[in-house]
Amino acid sequence: MKASGLLQKKRRSPNGLTKADCAAQKSENLINQGFTASAPNTKWLSDITEIPTAGGKLYIAPVFDCFDGQIVGLSMDNNMRKELCINAFEQACQWHKAYGMIFHSDRGSQYTSHKFRESLKAYGATQSMCGAGRCYDNARMESFIATLKKEKLYKIKTELLSMEAVKTIIFRWVFQYYNRKRVYTANAGGGVSA
């Protein structure tokens, strides 16, 4: 395979993009690696990742619905302040007229901020958080991010494209391909199956 050029280069991802806020009060892990849901908008997952562009780093915060595996909200910006996560969450709530879900994330300062928790409260959401240093606690969200990078972003030279061009590519891939056309496995009782 090596001689034929069929091996894919390994990509290294950063070791934990978000940093835990040690002073903030943590929320219990209500998901406990149970990444299925019996109804839409009951369990949402989120995380932040970065993509290099010609205009600097682009940070994205998707919101994943455990019911059918769709991305229900997506925020992109040139920074990873709490507003990135707030925008993704509120967008998902407004687009899907959702209220009262469990919202699961890591313990990054964006998610433990007072302003983010106020946003959760406004939509009746219950916060759930991964254990410290336990990547498997948000494995389904991590899997989506890996899929986005492997299936789309690693195949193009994002570092040569403008930030706006990369945003457009991500938006189209998520909402026109991933949510509508890509075959993947979800709950046995609902959603899409392979």
Protein backbone atom coordinates (compact mmCIF):
# COMPACT_ATOMS: atom_id res chain seq x y z
CA MET A 1 0.00 0.00 0.00
CA LYS A 2 2.85 2.36 0.83
CA ALA A 3 4.53 1.80 -2.54
CA SER A 4 1.25 2.48 -4.34
CA GLY A 5 0.58 5.68 -2.38
CA LEU A 6 -2.56 4.30 -0.74
CA LEU A 7 -1.66 5.08 2.86
CA GLN A 8 -3.23 8.16 4.37
CA LYS A 9 -1.07 10.50 6.44
CA LYS A 10 -1.98 10.61 10.12
CA ARG A 11 -3.27 13.94 11.32
CA ARG A 12 -2.56 15.05 14.84
CA SER A 13 -5.29 16.90 16.64
CA PRO A 14 -4.57 19.31 19.48
CA ASN A 15 -4.52 17.88 22.99
CA GLY A 16 -7.69 19.37 24.38
CA LEU A 17 -8.62 22.66 22.77
CA THR A 18 -10.73 23.93 25.64
CA LYS A 19 -9.29 24.37 29.10
CA ALA A 20 -11.23 23.44 32.20
CA ASP A 21 -12.14 26.29 34.52
CA CYS A 22 -10.98 24.97 37.89
CA ALA A 23 -12.82 27.65 39.83
CA ALA A 24 -16.20 27.02 38.20
CA GLN A 25 -18.83 24.74 39.66
CA LYS A 26 -19.00 21.54 37.61
CA SER A 27 -22.16 19.81 36.46
CA GLU A 28 -22.82 16.11 36.88
CA ASN A 29 -22.34 13.73 33.93
CA LEU A 30 -25.96 12.89 33.12
CA ILE A 31 -25.20 11.24 29.77
CA ASN A 32 -22.72 8.61 31.06
CA GLN A 33 -21.84 7.59 27.50
CA GLY A 34 -25.51 6.93 26.70
CA PHE A 35 -25.50 8.53 23.26
CA THR A 36 -29.01 7.50 22.19
CA ALA A 37 -32.33 9.23 22.79
CA SER A 38 -35.95 8.15 22.37
CA ALA A 39 -37.10 11.53 21.05
CA PRO A 40 -35.57 14.50 19.23
CA ASN A 41 -34.20 17.46 21.19
CA THR A 42 -33.82 15.58 24.47
CA LYS A 43 -30.03 14.98 24.52
CA TRP A 44 -27.62 17.36 22.81
CA LEU A 45 -23.83 17.16 22.70
CA SER A 46 -21.34 19.91 21.87
CA ASP A 47 -17.63 20.64 21.63
CA ILE A 48 -15.22 23.10 20.00
CA THR A 49 -12.61 22.39 17.34
CA GLU A 50 -10.28 24.54 15.26
CA ILE A 51 -9.51 24.59 11.54
CA PRO A 52 -6.53 26.45 10.00
CA THR A 53 -7.39 29.01 7.28
CA ALA A 54 -5.46 31.69 5.39
CA GLY A 55 -7.08 34.25 7.69
CA GLY A 56 -6.12 32.47 10.92
CA LYS A 57 -7.77 29.78 13.02
CA LEU A 58 -11.48 29.14 12.54
CA TYR A 59 -13.25 27.75 15.60
CA ILE A 60 -16.45 25.75 15.21
CA ALA A 61 -18.98 24.64 17.81
CA PRO A 62 -21.53 22.11 16.51
CA VAL A 63 -24.56 20.89 18.48
CA PHE A 64 -25.37 17.20 17.93
CA ASP A 65 -28.78 15.58 18.60
CA CYS A 66 -28.43 12.05 20.04
CA PHE A 67 -31.84 11.03 18.64
CA ASP A 68 -30.96 10.92 14.95
CA GLY A 69 -27.33 12.01 14.83
CA GLN A 70 -28.02 15.33 13.12
CA ILE A 71 -26.23 18.59 13.73
CA VAL A 72 -28.97 20.90 14.98
CA GLY A 73 -26.83 24.02 15.53
CA LEU A 74 -23.47 25.29 14.34
CA SER A 75 -21.51 28.42 15.20
CA MET A 76 -18.22 29.48 13.60
CA ASP A 77 -15.89 32.38 14.51
CA ASN A 78 -12.26 33.48 14.65
CA ASN A 79 -12.18 32.99 18.44
CA MET A 80 -13.43 30.47 20.96
CA ARG A 81 -15.04 32.78 23.49
CA LYS A 82 -18.21 31.74 25.28
CA GLU A 83 -20.34 33.51 22.68
CA LEU A 84 -19.34 30.85 20.12
CA CYS A 85 -21.03 28.18 22.26
CA ILE A 86 -23.96 30.36 23.24
CA ASN A 87 -24.70 31.16 19.59
CA ALA A 88 -24.58 27.46 18.59
CA PHE A 89 -26.89 26.46 21.45
CA GLU A 90 -29.42 29.28 20.98
CA GLN A 91 -29.45 28.78 17.20
CA ALA A 92 -30.29 25.09 17.71
CA CYS A 93 -33.07 25.95 20.18
CA GLN A 94 -34.59 28.54 17.85
CA TRP A 95 -34.32 26.46 14.66
CA HIS A 96 -35.92 23.41 16.29
CA LYS A 97 -38.21 25.18 18.77
CA ALA A 98 -36.54 23.06 21.44
CA TYR A 99 -36.78 23.39 25.19
CA GLY A 100 -35.79 21.32 28.22
CA MET A 101 -33.03 19.13 26.80
CA ILE A 102 -29.91 17.74 28.48
CA PHE A 103 -26.93 19.66 27.08
CA HIS A 104 -23.64 17.75 27.38
CA SER A 105 -20.12 19.15 26.84
CA ASP A 106 -16.63 19.12 28.26
CA ARG A 107 -15.66 21.29 31.23
CA GLY A 108 -14.21 24.13 29.17
CA SER A 109 -14.51 27.66 30.53
CA GLN A 110 -16.93 28.56 27.71
CA TYR A 111 -19.43 25.98 28.97
CA THR A 112 -18.95 26.75 32.66
CA SER A 113 -19.31 30.51 32.19
CA HIS A 114 -22.16 32.31 33.94
CA LYS A 115 -23.43 33.70 30.63
CA PHE A 116 -23.60 30.24 29.01
CA ARG A 117 -25.42 28.81 32.01
CA GLU A 118 -27.90 31.67 31.86
CA SER A 119 -28.59 30.76 28.24
CA LEU A 120 -29.19 27.12 29.21
CA LYS A 121 -31.56 28.26 31.95
CA ALA A 122 -33.53 30.44 29.52
CA TYR A 123 -34.29 27.33 27.42
CA GLY A 124 -34.91 25.03 30.38
CA ALA A 125 -31.82 22.95 29.58
CA THR A 126 -30.06 20.78 32.14
CA GLN A 127 -26.27 20.90 31.93
CA SER A 128 -24.23 17.72 31.83
CA MET A 129 -20.43 17.59 31.69
CA CYS A 130 -17.71 15.05 30.92
CA GLY A 131 -15.44 13.86 33.66
CA ALA A 132 -12.04 15.60 33.73
CA GLY A 133 -9.73 14.12 31.11
CA ARG A 134 -12.32 11.58 29.92
CA CYS A 135 -12.64 11.95 26.14
CA TYR A 136 -14.97 8.91 25.90
CA ASP A 137 -17.59 10.84 27.87
CA ASN A 138 -18.27 12.89 24.72
CA ALA A 139 -17.20 10.27 22.16
CA ARG A 140 -20.16 10.73 19.79
CA MET A 141 -19.42 14.45 19.43
CA GLU A 142 -15.70 13.74 18.99
CA SER A 143 -16.63 11.19 16.32
CA PHE A 144 -18.62 13.77 14.36
CA ILE A 145 -15.69 16.21 14.43
CA ALA A 146 -13.31 13.47 13.25
CA THR A 147 -15.72 12.61 10.41
CA LEU A 148 -15.93 16.25 9.30
CA LYS A 149 -12.15 16.53 9.22
CA LYS A 150 -11.41 13.15 7.59
CA GLU A 151 -14.20 13.17 5.01
CA LYS A 152 -13.97 16.83 4.00
CA LEU A 153 -11.46 19.20 5.56
CA TYR A 154 -8.28 17.08 5.37
CA LYS A 155 -8.92 16.60 1.64
CA ILE A 156 -8.61 20.32 0.93
CA LYS A 157 -5.92 22.81 1.90
CA THR A 158 -8.00 24.92 4.29
CA GLU A 159 -4.88 26.87 5.30
CA LEU A 160 -4.81 28.34 1.77
CA LEU A 161 -8.49 29.35 1.74
CA SER A 162 -10.12 32.40 3.25
CA MET A 163 -11.99 31.96 6.51
CA GLU A 164 -15.29 32.78 4.78
CA ALA A 165 -14.65 30.12 2.12
CA VAL A 166 -13.95 27.50 4.79
CA LYS A 167 -17.09 28.52 6.71
CA THR A 168 -19.14 28.02 3.53
CA ILE A 169 -17.58 24.60 2.89
CA ILE A 170 -18.32 23.46 6.46
CA PHE A 171 -21.87 24.81 6.45
CA ARG A 172 -22.72 23.09 3.16
CA TRP A 173 -21.10 19.80 4.18
CA VAL A 174 -22.99 19.71 7.48
CA PHE A 175 -26.44 20.84 6.38
CA GLN A 176 -26.60 19.61 2.77
CA TYR A 177 -24.56 16.41 3.00
CA TYR A 178 -24.08 15.14 6.56
CA ASN A 179 -27.62 15.81 7.82
CA ARG A 180 -29.42 14.85 4.59
CA LYS A 181 -27.43 12.38 2.49
CA ARG A 182 -24.70 10.63 4.45
CA VAL A 183 -25.57 7.11 5.59
CA TYR A 184 -24.80 6.51 9.25
CA THR A 185 -26.15 4.52 12.16
CA ALA A 186 -28.35 6.13 14.81
CA ASN A 187 -30.87 4.80 17.33
CA ALA A 188 -32.50 1.46 16.61
CA GLY A 189 -35.86 2.99 17.49
CA GLY A 190 -35.69 6.13 15.39
CA GLY A 191 -33.64 8.27 13.11
CA VAL A 192 -31.40 7.12 10.30
CA SER A 193 -29.79 3.72 10.05
CA ALA A 194 -27.05 2.28 7.88
